[in-house]
Amino acid sequence: LVAGLTGVVLAACSPIGVAAGPSARVATAETT
């Protein structure tokens, strides 16, 4: 369960996971 949740959290925080739409610029700003 912990491993699965960690994977979901990491995928949600990844800029690749949010590369579509207006939130992509926000994700880029948060990581860079």
ModelCIF file with pLDDT and N, C-alpha, C, O atoms, coordinates in Angstrom:
data_MODEL
#
_entry.id   MODEL 
#
_entity.id                         1 
_entity.type                       polymer 
_entity.pdbx_number_of_molecules   1 
#
_entity_poly.entity_id                      1 
_entity_poly.type                           'polypeptide(L)' 
_entity_poly.nstd_linkage                   no 
_entity_poly.nstd_monomer                   no 
_entity_poly.pdbx_seq_one_letter_code       LVAGLTGVVLAACSPIGVAAGPSARVATAETT 
_entity_poly.pdbx_seq_one_letter_code_can   LVAGLTGVVLAACSPIGVAAGPSARVATAETT 
_entity_poly.pdbx_strand_id                 A 
#
loop_
_entity_poly_seq.entity_id 
_entity_poly_seq.num 
_entity_poly_seq.mon_id 
_entity_poly_seq.hetero 
1 1  LEU n 
1 2  VAL n 
1 3  ALA n 
1 4  GLY n 
1 5  LEU n 
1 6  THR n 
1 7  GLY n 
1 8  VAL n 
1 9  VAL n 
1 10 LEU n 
1 11 ALA n 
1 12 ALA n 
1 13 CYS n 
1 14 SER n 
1 15 PRO n 
1 16 ILE n 
1 17 GLY n 
1 18 VAL n 
1 19 ALA n 
1 20 ALA n 
1 21 GLY n 
1 22 PRO n 
1 23 SER n 
1 24 ALA n 
1 25 ARG n 
1 26 VAL n 
1 27 ALA n 
1 28 THR n 
1 29 ALA n 
1 30 GLU n 
1 31 THR n 
1 32 THR n 
#
_struct_asym.id          A 
_struct_asym.entity_id   1 
#
loop_
_ma_qa_metric.id 
_ma_qa_metric.mode 
_ma_qa_metric.name 
_ma_qa_metric.software_group_id 
_ma_qa_metric.type 
1 global pLDDT . pLDDT 
2 local  pLDDT . pLDDT 
#
_ma_qa_metric_global.metric_id      1 
_ma_qa_metric_global.metric_value   55.16 
_ma_qa_metric_global.model_id       1 
_ma_qa_metric_global.ordinal_id     1 
#
loop_
_ma_qa_metric_local.label_asym_id 
_ma_qa_metric_local.label_comp_id 
_ma_qa_metric_local.label_seq_id 
_ma_qa_metric_local.metric_id 
_ma_qa_metric_local.metric_value 
_ma_qa_metric_local.model_id 
_ma_qa_metric_local.ordinal_id 
A LEU 1  2 41.00 1 1  
A VAL 2  2 45.00 1 2  
A ALA 3  2 47.00 1 3  
A GLY 4  2 49.00 1 4  
A LEU 5  2 44.00 1 5  
A THR 6  2 45.00 1 6  
A GLY 7  2 48.00 1 7  
A VAL 8  2 43.00 1 8  
A VAL 9  2 43.00 1 9  
A LEU 10 2 44.00 1 10 
A ALA 11 2 45.00 1 11 
A ALA 12 2 46.00 1 12 
A CYS 13 2 46.00 1 13 
A SER 14 2 45.00 1 14 
A PRO 15 2 46.00 1 15 
A ILE 16 2 44.00 1 16 
A GLY 17 2 42.00 1 17 
A VAL 18 2 41.00 1 18 
A ALA 19 2 45.00 1 19 
A ALA 20 2 47.00 1 20 
A GLY 21 2 55.00 1 21 
A PRO 22 2 61.00 1 22 
A SER 23 2 74.00 1 23 
A ALA 24 2 73.00 1 24 
A ARG 25 2 72.00 1 25 
A VAL 26 2 76.00 1 26 
A ALA 27 2 77.00 1 27 
A THR 28 2 74.00 1 28 
A ALA 29 2 73.00 1 29 
A GLU 30 2 77.00 1 30 
A THR 31 2 80.00 1 31 
A THR 32 2 77.00 1 32 
#
loop_
_atom_site.group_PDB 
_atom_site.id 
_atom_site.type_symbol 
_atom_site.label_atom_id 
_atom_site.label_alt_id 
_atom_site.label_comp_id 
_atom_site.label_asym_id 
_atom_site.label_entity_id 
_atom_site.label_seq_id 
_atom_site.pdbx_PDB_ins_code 
_atom_site.Cartn_x 
_atom_site.Cartn_y 
_atom_site.Cartn_z 
_atom_site.occupancy 
_atom_site.B_iso_or_equiv 
_atom_site.pdbx_formal_charge 
_atom_site.auth_seq_id 
_atom_site.auth_comp_id 
_atom_site.auth_asym_id 
_atom_site.auth_atom_id 
_atom_site.pdbx_PDB_model_num 
ATOM 1   N N  . LEU A 1 1  ? 0.821  -1.198 0.000   1.00 41.00 ? 1  LEU A N  1 
ATOM 2   C CA . LEU A 1 1  ? 0.000  0.000  0.000   1.00 41.00 ? 1  LEU A CA 1 
ATOM 3   C C  . LEU A 1 1  ? 0.867  1.264  0.000   1.00 41.00 ? 1  LEU A C  1 
ATOM 4   O O  . LEU A 1 1  ? 0.602  2.203  -0.751  1.00 41.00 ? 1  LEU A O  1 
ATOM 5   N N  . VAL A 1 2  ? 1.908  1.281  0.851   1.00 45.00 ? 2  VAL A N  1 
ATOM 6   C CA . VAL A 1 2  ? 2.821  2.431  0.909   1.00 45.00 ? 2  VAL A CA 1 
ATOM 7   C C  . VAL A 1 2  ? 3.534  2.602  -0.420  1.00 45.00 ? 2  VAL A C  1 
ATOM 8   O O  . VAL A 1 2  ? 3.659  3.726  -0.906  1.00 45.00 ? 2  VAL A O  1 
ATOM 9   N N  . ALA A 1 3  ? 4.001  1.522  -1.017  1.00 47.00 ? 3  ALA A N  1 
ATOM 10  C CA . ALA A 1 3  ? 4.699  1.609  -2.301  1.00 47.00 ? 3  ALA A CA 1 
ATOM 11  C C  . ALA A 1 3  ? 3.764  2.126  -3.388  1.00 47.00 ? 3  ALA A C  1 
ATOM 12  O O  . ALA A 1 3  ? 4.160  2.945  -4.217  1.00 47.00 ? 3  ALA A O  1 
ATOM 13  N N  . GLY A 1 4  ? 2.527  1.647  -3.381  1.00 49.00 ? 4  GLY A N  1 
ATOM 14  C CA . GLY A 1 4  ? 1.558  2.101  -4.382  1.00 49.00 ? 4  GLY A CA 1 
ATOM 15  C C  . GLY A 1 4  ? 1.219  3.569  -4.216  1.00 49.00 ? 4  GLY A C  1 
ATOM 16  O O  . GLY A 1 4  ? 1.144  4.298  -5.205  1.00 49.00 ? 4  GLY A O  1 
ATOM 17  N N  . LEU A 1 5  ? 1.012  4.019  -2.986  1.00 44.00 ? 5  LEU A N  1 
ATOM 18  C CA . LEU A 1 5  ? 0.716  5.434  -2.736  1.00 44.00 ? 5  LEU A CA 1 
ATOM 19  C C  . LEU A 1 5  ? 1.901  6.318  -3.089  1.00 44.00 ? 5  LEU A C  1 
ATOM 20  O O  . LEU A 1 5  ? 1.722  7.412  -3.625  1.00 44.00 ? 5  LEU A O  1 
ATOM 21  N N  . THR A 1 6  ? 3.103  5.856  -2.795  1.00 45.00 ? 6  THR A N  1 
ATOM 22  C CA . THR A 1 6  ? 4.300  6.616  -3.139  1.00 45.00 ? 6  THR A CA 1 
ATOM 23  C C  . THR A 1 6  ? 4.383  6.812  -4.650  1.00 45.00 ? 6  THR A C  1 
ATOM 24  O O  . THR A 1 6  ? 4.720  7.898  -5.123  1.00 45.00 ? 6  THR A O  1 
ATOM 25  N N  . GLY A 1 7  ? 4.078  5.768  -5.399  1.00 48.00 ? 7  GLY A N  1 
ATOM 26  C CA . GLY A 1 7  ? 4.090  5.867  -6.858  1.00 48.00 ? 7  GLY A CA 1 
ATOM 27  C C  . GLY A 1 7  ? 3.067  6.868  -7.363  1.00 48.00 ? 7  GLY A C  1 
ATOM 28  O O  . GLY A 1 7  ? 3.348  7.630  -8.288  1.00 48.00 ? 7  GLY A O  1 
ATOM 29  N N  . VAL A 1 8  ? 1.878  6.875  -6.763  1.00 43.00 ? 8  VAL A N  1 
ATOM 30  C CA . VAL A 1 8  ? 0.835  7.825  -7.170  1.00 43.00 ? 8  VAL A CA 1 
ATOM 31  C C  . VAL A 1 8  ? 1.268  9.244  -6.854  1.00 43.00 ? 8  VAL A C  1 
ATOM 32  O O  . VAL A 1 8  ? 1.108  10.141 -7.682  1.00 43.00 ? 8  VAL A O  1 
ATOM 33  N N  . VAL A 1 9  ? 1.817  9.459  -5.657  1.00 43.00 ? 9  VAL A N  1 
ATOM 34  C CA . VAL A 1 9  ? 2.273  10.790 -5.262  1.00 43.00 ? 9  VAL A CA 1 
ATOM 35  C C  . VAL A 1 9  ? 3.384  11.270 -6.184  1.00 43.00 ? 9  VAL A C  1 
ATOM 36  O O  . VAL A 1 9  ? 3.356  12.412 -6.642  1.00 43.00 ? 9  VAL A O  1 
ATOM 37  N N  . LEU A 1 10 ? 4.361  10.416 -6.461  1.00 44.00 ? 10 LEU A N  1 
ATOM 38  C CA . LEU A 1 10 ? 5.462  10.817 -7.342  1.00 44.00 ? 10 LEU A CA 1 
ATOM 39  C C  . LEU A 1 10 ? 4.966  11.121 -8.748  1.00 44.00 ? 10 LEU A C  1 
ATOM 40  O O  . LEU A 1 10 ? 5.436  12.070 -9.375  1.00 44.00 ? 10 LEU A O  1 
ATOM 41  N N  . ALA A 1 11 ? 4.031  10.334 -9.251  1.00 45.00 ? 11 ALA A N  1 
ATOM 42  C CA . ALA A 1 11 ? 3.492  10.584 -10.586 1.00 45.00 ? 11 ALA A CA 1 
ATOM 43  C C  . ALA A 1 11 ? 2.745  11.917 -10.634 1.00 45.00 ? 11 ALA A C  1 
ATOM 44  O O  . ALA A 1 11 ? 2.809  12.640 -11.628 1.00 45.00 ? 11 ALA A O  1 
ATOM 45  N N  . ALA A 1 12 ? 2.036  12.231 -9.549  1.00 46.00 ? 12 ALA A N  1 
ATOM 46  C CA . ALA A 1 12 ? 1.295  13.490 -9.511  1.00 46.00 ? 12 ALA A CA 1 
ATOM 47  C C  . ALA A 1 12 ? 2.226  14.685 -9.444  1.00 46.00 ? 12 ALA A C  1 
ATOM 48  O O  . ALA A 1 12 ? 1.892  15.751 -9.961  1.00 46.00 ? 12 ALA A O  1 
ATOM 49  N N  . CYS A 1 13 ? 3.385  14.534 -8.819  1.00 46.00 ? 13 CYS A N  1 
ATOM 50  C CA . CYS A 1 13 ? 4.329  15.644 -8.676  1.00 46.00 ? 13 CYS A CA 1 
ATOM 51  C C  . CYS A 1 13 ? 5.255  15.791 -9.874  1.00 46.00 ? 13 CYS A C  1 
ATOM 52  O O  . CYS A 1 13 ? 5.915  16.820 -10.018 1.00 46.00 ? 13 CYS A O  1 
ATOM 53  N N  . SER A 1 14 ? 5.313  14.804 -10.716 1.00 45.00 ? 14 SER A N  1 
ATOM 54  C CA . SER A 1 14 ? 6.226  14.832 -11.851 1.00 45.00 ? 14 SER A CA 1 
ATOM 55  C C  . SER A 1 14 ? 5.740  15.805 -12.907 1.00 45.00 ? 14 SER A C  1 
ATOM 56  O O  . SER A 1 14 ? 4.551  15.818 -13.226 1.00 45.00 ? 14 SER A O  1 
ATOM 57  N N  . PRO A 1 15 ? 6.646  16.636 -13.470 1.00 46.00 ? 15 PRO A N  1 
ATOM 58  C CA . PRO A 1 15 ? 6.230  17.535 -14.541 1.00 46.00 ? 15 PRO A CA 1 
ATOM 59  C C  . PRO A 1 15 ? 5.744  16.775 -15.767 1.00 46.00 ? 15 PRO A C  1 
ATOM 60  O O  . PRO A 1 15 ? 4.932  17.282 -16.542 1.00 46.00 ? 15 PRO A O  1 
ATOM 61  N N  . ILE A 1 16 ? 6.251  15.550 -15.938 1.00 44.00 ? 16 ILE A N  1 
ATOM 62  C CA . ILE A 1 16 ? 5.804  14.759 -17.084 1.00 44.00 ? 16 ILE A CA 1 
ATOM 63  C C  . ILE A 1 16 ? 4.349  14.370 -16.901 1.00 44.00 ? 16 ILE A C  1 
ATOM 64  O O  . ILE A 1 16 ? 3.588  14.341 -17.868 1.00 44.00 ? 16 ILE A O  1 
ATOM 65  N N  . GLY A 1 17 ? 3.955  14.070 -15.665 1.00 42.00 ? 17 GLY A N  1 
ATOM 66  C CA . GLY A 1 17 ? 2.586  13.672 -15.385 1.00 42.00 ? 17 GLY A CA 1 
ATOM 67  C C  . GLY A 1 17 ? 1.586  14.795 -15.571 1.00 42.00 ? 17 GLY A C  1 
ATOM 68  O O  . GLY A 1 17 ? 0.390  14.526 -15.682 1.00 42.00 ? 17 GLY A O  1 
ATOM 69  N N  . VAL A 1 18 ? 2.029  16.047 -15.610 1.00 41.00 ? 18 VAL A N  1 
ATOM 70  C CA . VAL A 1 18 ? 1.109  17.181 -15.753 1.00 41.00 ? 18 VAL A CA 1 
ATOM 71  C C  . VAL A 1 18 ? 1.488  18.047 -16.938 1.00 41.00 ? 18 VAL A C  1 
ATOM 72  O O  . VAL A 1 18 ? 1.268  19.258 -16.927 1.00 41.00 ? 18 VAL A O  1 
ATOM 73  N N  . ALA A 1 19 ? 2.053  17.434 -17.948 1.00 45.00 ? 19 ALA A N  1 
ATOM 74  C CA . ALA A 1 19 ? 2.570  18.209 -19.070 1.00 45.00 ? 19 ALA A CA 1 
ATOM 75  C C  . ALA A 1 19 ? 1.489  18.791 -19.960 1.00 45.00 ? 19 ALA A C  1 
ATOM 76  O O  . ALA A 1 19 ? 1.783  19.658 -20.783 1.00 45.00 ? 19 ALA A O  1 
ATOM 77  N N  . ALA A 1 20 ? 0.266  18.350 -19.826 1.00 47.00 ? 20 ALA A N  1 
ATOM 78  C CA . ALA A 1 20 ? -0.779 18.875 -20.696 1.00 47.00 ? 20 ALA A CA 1 
ATOM 79  C C  . ALA A 1 20 ? -1.537 20.004 -19.998 1.00 47.00 ? 20 ALA A C  1 
ATOM 80  O O  . ALA A 1 20 ? -1.668 20.006 -18.774 1.00 47.00 ? 20 ALA A O  1 
ATOM 81  N N  . GLY A 1 21 ? -2.034 20.957 -20.779 1.00 55.00 ? 21 GLY A N  1 
ATOM 82  C CA . GLY A 1 21 ? -2.885 22.017 -20.254 1.00 55.00 ? 21 GLY A CA 1 
ATOM 83  C C  . GLY A 1 21 ? -2.134 23.139 -19.583 1.00 55.00 ? 21 GLY A C  1 
ATOM 84  O O  . GLY A 1 21 ? -0.905 23.116 -19.514 1.00 55.00 ? 21 GLY A O  1 
ATOM 85  N N  . PRO A 1 22 ? -2.883 24.152 -19.073 1.00 61.00 ? 22 PRO A N  1 
ATOM 86  C CA . PRO A 1 22 ? -2.267 25.338 -18.469 1.00 61.00 ? 22 PRO A CA 1 
ATOM 87  C C  . PRO A 1 22 ? -1.467 25.023 -17.214 1.00 61.00 ? 22 PRO A C  1 
ATOM 88  O O  . PRO A 1 22 ? -0.568 25.780 -16.848 1.00 61.00 ? 22 PRO A O  1 
ATOM 89  N N  . SER A 1 23 ? -1.784 23.908 -16.547 1.00 74.00 ? 23 SER A N  1 
ATOM 90  C CA . SER A 1 23 ? -1.044 23.593 -15.329 1.00 74.00 ? 23 SER A CA 1 
ATOM 91  C C  . SER A 1 23 ? 0.387  23.155 -15.619 1.00 74.00 ? 23 SER A C  1 
ATOM 92  O O  . SER A 1 23 ? 1.195  23.071 -14.695 1.00 74.00 ? 23 SER A O  1 
ATOM 93  N N  . ALA A 1 24 ? 0.723  22.874 -16.878 1.00 73.00 ? 24 ALA A N  1 
ATOM 94  C CA . ALA A 1 24 ? 2.082  22.475 -17.231 1.00 73.00 ? 24 ALA A CA 1 
ATOM 95  C C  . ALA A 1 24 ? 3.077  23.586 -16.892 1.00 73.00 ? 24 ALA A C  1 
ATOM 96  O O  . ALA A 1 24 ? 4.174  23.307 -16.409 1.00 73.00 ? 24 ALA A O  1 
ATOM 97  N N  . ARG A 1 25 ? 2.702  24.841 -17.141 1.00 72.00 ? 25 ARG A N  1 
ATOM 98  C CA . ARG A 1 25 ? 3.602  25.954 -16.823 1.00 72.00 ? 25 ARG A CA 1 
ATOM 99  C C  . ARG A 1 25 ? 3.786  26.090 -15.325 1.00 72.00 ? 25 ARG A C  1 
ATOM 100 O O  . ARG A 1 25 ? 4.878  26.414 -14.859 1.00 72.00 ? 25 ARG A O  1 
ATOM 101 N N  . VAL A 1 26 ? 2.728  25.844 -14.568 1.00 76.00 ? 26 VAL A N  1 
ATOM 102 C CA . VAL A 1 26 ? 2.821  25.904 -13.110 1.00 76.00 ? 26 VAL A CA 1 
ATOM 103 C C  . VAL A 1 26 ? 3.710  24.783 -12.607 1.00 76.00 ? 26 VAL A C  1 
ATOM 104 O O  . VAL A 1 26 ? 4.545  25.001 -11.729 1.00 76.00 ? 26 VAL A O  1 
ATOM 105 N N  . ALA A 1 27 ? 3.539  23.575 -13.158 1.00 77.00 ? 27 ALA A N  1 
ATOM 106 C CA . ALA A 1 27 ? 4.382  22.453 -12.750 1.00 77.00 ? 27 ALA A CA 1 
ATOM 107 C C  . ALA A 1 27 ? 5.843  22.729 -13.064 1.00 77.00 ? 27 ALA A C  1 
ATOM 108 O O  . ALA A 1 27 ? 6.723  22.425 -12.259 1.00 77.00 ? 27 ALA A O  1 
ATOM 109 N N  . THR A 1 28 ? 6.104  23.305 -14.236 1.00 74.00 ? 28 THR A N  1 
ATOM 110 C CA . THR A 1 28 ? 7.480  23.658 -14.590 1.00 74.00 ? 28 THR A CA 1 
ATOM 111 C C  . THR A 1 28 ? 8.022  24.695 -13.613 1.00 74.00 ? 28 THR A C  1 
ATOM 112 O O  . THR A 1 28 ? 9.173  24.602 -13.187 1.00 74.00 ? 28 THR A O  1 
ATOM 113 N N  . ALA A 1 29 ? 7.213  25.667 -13.261 1.00 73.00 ? 29 ALA A N  1 
ATOM 114 C CA . ALA A 1 29 ? 7.641  26.698 -12.316 1.00 73.00 ? 29 ALA A CA 1 
ATOM 115 C C  . ALA A 1 29 ? 7.952  26.095 -10.954 1.00 73.00 ? 29 ALA A C  1 
ATOM 116 O O  . ALA A 1 29 ? 8.913  26.499 -10.299 1.00 73.00 ? 29 ALA A O  1 
ATOM 117 N N  . GLU A 1 30 ? 7.131  25.118 -10.518 1.00 77.00 ? 30 GLU A N  1 
ATOM 118 C CA . GLU A 1 30 ? 7.367  24.499 -9.217  1.00 77.00 ? 30 GLU A CA 1 
ATOM 119 C C  . GLU A 1 30 ? 8.640  23.663 -9.203  1.00 77.00 ? 30 GLU A C  1 
ATOM 120 O O  . GLU A 1 30 ? 9.318  23.597 -8.177  1.00 77.00 ? 30 GLU A O  1 
ATOM 121 N N  . THR A 1 31 ? 8.977  23.027 -10.315 1.00 80.00 ? 31 THR A N  1 
ATOM 122 C CA . THR A 1 31 ? 10.179 22.182 -10.326 1.00 80.00 ? 31 THR A CA 1 
ATOM 123 C C  . THR A 1 31 ? 11.445 22.957 -10.669 1.00 80.00 ? 31 THR A C  1 
ATOM 124 O O  . THR A 1 31 ? 12.520 22.634 -10.165 1.00 80.00 ? 31 THR A O  1 
ATOM 125 N N  . THR A 1 32 ? 11.334 23.975 -11.520 1.00 77.00 ? 32 THR A N  1 
ATOM 126 C CA . THR A 1 32 ? 12.541 24.707 -11.939 1.00 77.00 ? 32 THR A CA 1 
ATOM 127 C C  . THR A 1 32 ? 12.670 26.071 -11.286 1.00 77.00 ? 32 THR A C  1 
ATOM 128 O O  . THR A 1 32 ? 13.634 26.791 -11.546 1.00 77.00 ? 32 THR A O  1 
#
